[in-house]
Amino acid sequence: LKRWHFINNIGDVLKGTREMSGVSIEEVSKDLNIPVISLKQIEEGNIGAFKDIFELKKYIMEYAKYLGLDSEKLLDELFTKEEINKFIVSFHKTYKELLLKE
C-alpha cells in the first residue's frame, strides 16, 4: 500500500521524539494500550494497516500527547483536507482491489 507524505512526517516526528526521550516502543504500547504493531505502522507510514482514518487519527493523537507533543497542532499541520481525501480514495481503491482478488 502507498505511503503518504503526511503520515511519514508524523511517523518521523513521533519516532524521533520517542527515541530522544529514551522510551521504547513496547513501553508506549503498554502505557497507551495500543498494539506495538500499530505504533510501528504509524512510525513507518503504513496507512494500509488501519481500518479507517479515525482509528489512525486517534492513535496518533494519543501517541503525540503521551510524548508531550501538541497533538492538535501536529494533526492540523499534517492532516490537511486534501490529504485526508487522498487517504479515503486510496483506501477505497485498495479495498476494491482486495475484493477483486478474492
N, C-alpha and C. Protein backbone atom coordinates (compact mmCIF):
# COMPACT_ATOMS: atom_id res chain seq x y z
N LEU A 1 0.83 -1.19 0.00
CA LEU A 1 0.00 0.00 0.00
C LEU A 1 0.87 1.25 0.00
N LYS A 2 0.31 2.30 -0.49
CA LYS A 2 1.08 3.54 -0.62
C LYS A 2 1.39 4.15 0.74
N ARG A 3 2.53 4.79 0.79
CA ARG A 3 2.92 5.53 1.98
C ARG A 3 2.78 7.01 1.65
N TRP A 4 1.98 7.72 2.41
CA TRP A 4 1.72 9.12 2.14
C TRP A 4 2.70 10.00 2.88
N HIS A 5 3.00 11.13 2.28
CA HIS A 5 3.94 12.11 2.84
C HIS A 5 3.53 12.54 4.24
N PHE A 6 2.24 12.80 4.46
CA PHE A 6 1.81 13.33 5.75
C PHE A 6 2.01 12.31 6.87
N ILE A 7 1.75 11.05 6.62
CA ILE A 7 1.92 10.06 7.68
C ILE A 7 3.40 9.80 7.93
N ASN A 8 4.22 9.86 6.89
CA ASN A 8 5.65 9.70 7.10
C ASN A 8 6.19 10.81 7.99
N ASN A 9 5.73 12.04 7.76
CA ASN A 9 6.17 13.15 8.60
C ASN A 9 5.74 12.97 10.04
N ILE A 10 4.49 12.58 10.25
CA ILE A 10 4.00 12.36 11.60
C ILE A 10 4.80 11.22 12.23
N GLY A 11 4.97 10.14 11.48
CA GLY A 11 5.73 8.99 11.98
C GLY A 11 7.15 9.37 12.35
N ASP A 12 7.78 10.17 11.50
CA ASP A 12 9.14 10.62 11.78
C ASP A 12 9.20 11.45 13.05
N VAL A 13 8.24 12.36 13.22
CA VAL A 13 8.20 13.21 14.41
C VAL A 13 8.00 12.35 15.66
N LEU A 14 7.04 11.44 15.61
CA LEU A 14 6.75 10.60 16.77
C LEU A 14 7.92 9.69 17.11
N LYS A 15 8.45 9.03 16.12
CA LYS A 15 9.57 8.11 16.37
C LYS A 15 10.79 8.87 16.90
N GLY A 16 11.10 9.99 16.28
CA GLY A 16 12.25 10.79 16.71
C GLY A 16 12.10 11.28 18.14
N THR A 17 10.89 11.75 18.48
CA THR A 17 10.63 12.23 19.83
C THR A 17 10.73 11.09 20.83
N ARG A 18 10.14 9.95 20.47
CA ARG A 18 10.20 8.77 21.36
C ARG A 18 11.63 8.35 21.62
N GLU A 19 12.41 8.25 20.55
CA GLU A 19 13.80 7.81 20.68
C GLU A 19 14.62 8.81 21.49
N MET A 20 14.41 10.11 21.27
CA MET A 20 15.14 11.13 22.02
C MET A 20 14.75 11.11 23.50
N SER A 21 13.52 10.67 23.78
CA SER A 21 13.05 10.58 25.17
C SER A 21 13.53 9.31 25.85
N GLY A 22 14.10 8.39 25.07
CA GLY A 22 14.58 7.14 25.64
C GLY A 22 13.48 6.16 26.01
N VAL A 23 12.34 6.29 25.34
CA VAL A 23 11.20 5.42 25.62
C VAL A 23 11.13 4.35 24.54
N SER A 24 10.96 3.10 24.95
CA SER A 24 10.86 2.02 23.96
C SER A 24 9.45 1.98 23.40
N ILE A 25 9.33 1.42 22.23
CA ILE A 25 8.01 1.30 21.59
C ILE A 25 7.13 0.35 22.41
N GLU A 26 7.75 -0.62 23.06
CA GLU A 26 7.00 -1.55 23.91
C GLU A 26 6.41 -0.84 25.13
N GLU A 27 7.17 0.11 25.66
CA GLU A 27 6.70 0.88 26.81
C GLU A 27 5.51 1.76 26.42
N VAL A 28 5.60 2.40 25.26
CA VAL A 28 4.49 3.22 24.76
C VAL A 28 3.26 2.34 24.59
N SER A 29 3.46 1.18 23.99
CA SER A 29 2.36 0.25 23.74
C SER A 29 1.66 -0.13 25.04
N LYS A 30 2.44 -0.45 26.04
CA LYS A 30 1.89 -0.86 27.34
C LYS A 30 1.14 0.29 28.00
N ASP A 31 1.73 1.47 28.00
CA ASP A 31 1.13 2.62 28.67
C ASP A 31 -0.14 3.11 27.98
N LEU A 32 -0.19 3.05 26.66
CA LEU A 32 -1.34 3.54 25.91
C LEU A 32 -2.33 2.45 25.51
N ASN A 33 -1.95 1.21 25.73
CA ASN A 33 -2.78 0.07 25.32
C ASN A 33 -3.06 0.11 23.81
N ILE A 34 -1.99 0.42 23.07
CA ILE A 34 -2.03 0.39 21.60
C ILE A 34 -1.04 -0.70 21.18
N PRO A 35 -1.44 -1.61 20.32
CA PRO A 35 -0.52 -2.68 19.91
C PRO A 35 0.79 -2.14 19.33
N VAL A 36 1.89 -2.81 19.66
CA VAL A 36 3.20 -2.42 19.14
C VAL A 36 3.16 -2.33 17.62
N ILE A 37 2.51 -3.28 16.98
CA ILE A 37 2.47 -3.30 15.52
C ILE A 37 1.80 -2.03 14.97
N SER A 38 0.77 -1.54 15.65
CA SER A 38 0.11 -0.31 15.21
C SER A 38 1.03 0.89 15.35
N LEU A 39 1.77 0.96 16.45
CA LEU A 39 2.73 2.05 16.64
C LEU A 39 3.82 2.00 15.58
N LYS A 40 4.29 0.80 15.28
CA LYS A 40 5.31 0.66 14.24
C LYS A 40 4.77 1.08 12.88
N GLN A 41 3.52 0.72 12.60
CA GLN A 41 2.90 1.09 11.32
C GLN A 41 2.82 2.61 11.19
N ILE A 42 2.47 3.29 12.29
CA ILE A 42 2.41 4.75 12.27
C ILE A 42 3.80 5.32 12.01
N GLU A 43 4.79 4.83 12.74
CA GLU A 43 6.15 5.33 12.58
C GLU A 43 6.70 5.09 11.18
N GLU A 44 6.28 3.99 10.56
CA GLU A 44 6.76 3.65 9.22
C GLU A 44 5.91 4.24 8.10
N GLY A 45 4.78 4.83 8.45
CA GLY A 45 3.92 5.44 7.45
C GLY A 45 3.04 4.47 6.70
N ASN A 46 2.76 3.32 7.28
CA ASN A 46 1.94 2.31 6.62
C ASN A 46 0.47 2.50 6.97
N ILE A 47 -0.22 3.34 6.18
CA ILE A 47 -1.61 3.65 6.47
C ILE A 47 -2.55 2.48 6.18
N GLY A 48 -2.13 1.57 5.35
CA GLY A 48 -2.98 0.43 4.99
C GLY A 48 -3.24 -0.52 6.14
N ALA A 49 -2.53 -0.33 7.23
CA ALA A 49 -2.68 -1.22 8.38
C ALA A 49 -3.89 -0.85 9.24
N PHE A 50 -4.54 0.26 8.94
CA PHE A 50 -5.62 0.75 9.79
C PHE A 50 -6.97 0.60 9.12
N LYS A 51 -7.98 0.28 9.94
CA LYS A 51 -9.33 0.08 9.44
C LYS A 51 -9.90 1.34 8.83
N ASP A 52 -9.65 2.45 9.49
CA ASP A 52 -10.17 3.71 8.99
C ASP A 52 -9.32 4.87 9.50
N ILE A 53 -9.55 6.03 8.93
CA ILE A 53 -8.76 7.20 9.26
C ILE A 53 -9.01 7.67 10.69
N PHE A 54 -10.18 7.38 11.23
CA PHE A 54 -10.50 7.81 12.59
C PHE A 54 -9.68 7.04 13.62
N GLU A 55 -9.49 5.74 13.39
CA GLU A 55 -8.65 4.94 14.27
C GLU A 55 -7.20 5.45 14.20
N LEU A 56 -6.74 5.69 12.99
CA LEU A 56 -5.39 6.20 12.79
C LEU A 56 -5.19 7.53 13.51
N LYS A 57 -6.13 8.44 13.32
CA LYS A 57 -6.04 9.76 13.96
C LYS A 57 -6.05 9.63 15.48
N LYS A 58 -6.90 8.76 16.01
CA LYS A 58 -6.99 8.55 17.46
C LYS A 58 -5.65 8.07 18.02
N TYR A 59 -5.05 7.09 17.36
CA TYR A 59 -3.76 6.57 17.81
C TYR A 59 -2.68 7.65 17.75
N ILE A 60 -2.68 8.42 16.67
CA ILE A 60 -1.68 9.48 16.54
C ILE A 60 -1.85 10.52 17.64
N MET A 61 -3.09 10.90 17.93
CA MET A 61 -3.34 11.89 18.98
C MET A 61 -2.88 11.37 20.34
N GLU A 62 -3.21 10.13 20.66
CA GLU A 62 -2.81 9.55 21.94
C GLU A 62 -1.29 9.46 22.05
N TYR A 63 -0.66 9.04 20.98
CA TYR A 63 0.79 8.87 20.94
C TYR A 63 1.48 10.23 21.10
N ALA A 64 1.00 11.23 20.38
CA ALA A 64 1.59 12.57 20.46
C ALA A 64 1.45 13.15 21.87
N LYS A 65 0.26 13.04 22.45
CA LYS A 65 0.04 13.55 23.81
C LYS A 65 0.97 12.85 24.80
N TYR A 66 1.10 11.55 24.65
CA TYR A 66 1.97 10.76 25.53
C TYR A 66 3.41 11.27 25.49
N LEU A 67 3.84 11.69 24.31
CA LEU A 67 5.21 12.17 24.15
C LEU A 67 5.36 13.66 24.49
N GLY A 68 4.26 14.29 24.89
CA GLY A 68 4.31 15.69 25.27
C GLY A 68 4.23 16.65 24.09
N LEU A 69 3.78 16.15 22.95
CA LEU A 69 3.64 16.98 21.76
C LEU A 69 2.23 17.57 21.71
N ASP A 70 2.08 18.65 21.00
CA ASP A 70 0.77 19.27 20.79
C ASP A 70 0.08 18.49 19.68
N SER A 71 -0.76 17.54 20.07
CA SER A 71 -1.38 16.63 19.10
C SER A 71 -2.28 17.36 18.12
N GLU A 72 -3.03 18.34 18.60
CA GLU A 72 -3.93 19.09 17.72
C GLU A 72 -3.13 19.84 16.66
N LYS A 73 -2.07 20.51 17.09
CA LYS A 73 -1.25 21.27 16.14
C LYS A 73 -0.59 20.33 15.14
N LEU A 74 -0.08 19.21 15.63
CA LEU A 74 0.57 18.23 14.77
C LEU A 74 -0.39 17.74 13.70
N LEU A 75 -1.58 17.37 14.10
CA LEU A 75 -2.57 16.87 13.14
C LEU A 75 -3.06 17.97 12.22
N ASP A 76 -3.26 19.16 12.75
CA ASP A 76 -3.71 20.28 11.91
C ASP A 76 -2.70 20.59 10.81
N GLU A 77 -1.42 20.54 11.17
CA GLU A 77 -0.37 20.86 10.21
C GLU A 77 -0.18 19.75 9.18
N LEU A 78 -0.36 18.52 9.60
CA LEU A 78 -0.01 17.40 8.74
C LEU A 78 -1.18 16.68 8.10
N PHE A 79 -2.36 16.84 8.64
CA PHE A 79 -3.55 16.22 8.07
C PHE A 79 -4.40 17.29 7.39
N THR A 80 -4.03 17.69 6.21
CA THR A 80 -4.84 18.67 5.50
C THR A 80 -6.05 17.96 4.91
N LYS A 81 -7.07 18.71 4.58
CA LYS A 81 -8.27 18.12 4.00
C LYS A 81 -7.95 17.37 2.71
N GLU A 82 -7.05 17.92 1.92
CA GLU A 82 -6.67 17.28 0.66
C GLU A 82 -6.05 15.91 0.93
N GLU A 83 -5.18 15.84 1.93
CA GLU A 83 -4.51 14.58 2.22
C GLU A 83 -5.49 13.55 2.79
N ILE A 84 -6.44 14.00 3.58
CA ILE A 84 -7.46 13.09 4.10
C ILE A 84 -8.27 12.52 2.94
N ASN A 85 -8.64 13.37 2.00
CA ASN A 85 -9.38 12.89 0.82
C ASN A 85 -8.56 11.88 0.03
N LYS A 86 -7.26 12.12 -0.12
CA LYS A 86 -6.39 11.17 -0.81
C LYS A 86 -6.38 9.84 -0.08
N PHE A 87 -6.33 9.89 1.25
CA PHE A 87 -6.35 8.67 2.06
C PHE A 87 -7.62 7.88 1.79
N ILE A 88 -8.75 8.58 1.82
CA ILE A 88 -10.04 7.92 1.64
C ILE A 88 -10.12 7.28 0.25
N VAL A 89 -9.72 8.01 -0.78
CA VAL A 89 -9.73 7.47 -2.15
C VAL A 89 -8.80 6.27 -2.25
N SER A 90 -7.60 6.39 -1.69
CA SER A 90 -6.64 5.29 -1.72
C SER A 90 -7.16 4.07 -0.97
N PHE A 91 -7.78 4.31 0.17
CA PHE A 91 -8.31 3.22 0.98
C PHE A 91 -9.38 2.46 0.20
N HIS A 92 -10.30 3.20 -0.41
CA HIS A 92 -11.39 2.55 -1.16
C HIS A 92 -10.86 1.80 -2.39
N LYS A 93 -9.88 2.37 -3.09
CA LYS A 93 -9.28 1.68 -4.24
C LYS A 93 -8.62 0.38 -3.80
N THR A 94 -7.86 0.45 -2.72
CA THR A 94 -7.17 -0.73 -2.20
C THR A 94 -8.17 -1.78 -1.77
N TYR A 95 -9.24 -1.37 -1.09
CA TYR A 95 -10.27 -2.28 -0.64
C TYR A 95 -10.92 -2.99 -1.83
N LYS A 96 -11.24 -2.22 -2.87
CA LYS A 96 -11.86 -2.81 -4.06
C LYS A 96 -10.91 -3.81 -4.72
N GLU A 97 -9.63 -3.46 -4.79
CA GLU A 97 -8.63 -4.36 -5.39
C GLU A 97 -8.54 -5.66 -4.61
N LEU A 98 -8.60 -5.56 -3.30
CA LEU A 98 -8.55 -6.78 -2.47
C LEU A 98 -9.77 -7.64 -2.70
N LEU A 99 -10.94 -7.02 -2.82
CA LEU A 99 -12.16 -7.77 -3.06
C LEU A 99 -12.13 -8.48 -4.41
N LEU A 100 -11.57 -7.81 -5.41
CA LEU A 100 -11.50 -8.40 -6.75
C LEU A 100 -10.54 -9.59 -6.81
N LYS A 101 -9.54 -9.59 -5.92
CA LYS A 101 -8.57 -10.69 -5.90
C LYS A 101 -9.15 -11.94 -5.26
N GLU A 102 -10.16 -11.78 -4.44
CA GLU A 102 -10.73 -12.95 -3.72
C GLU A 102 -11.62 -13.79 -4.59
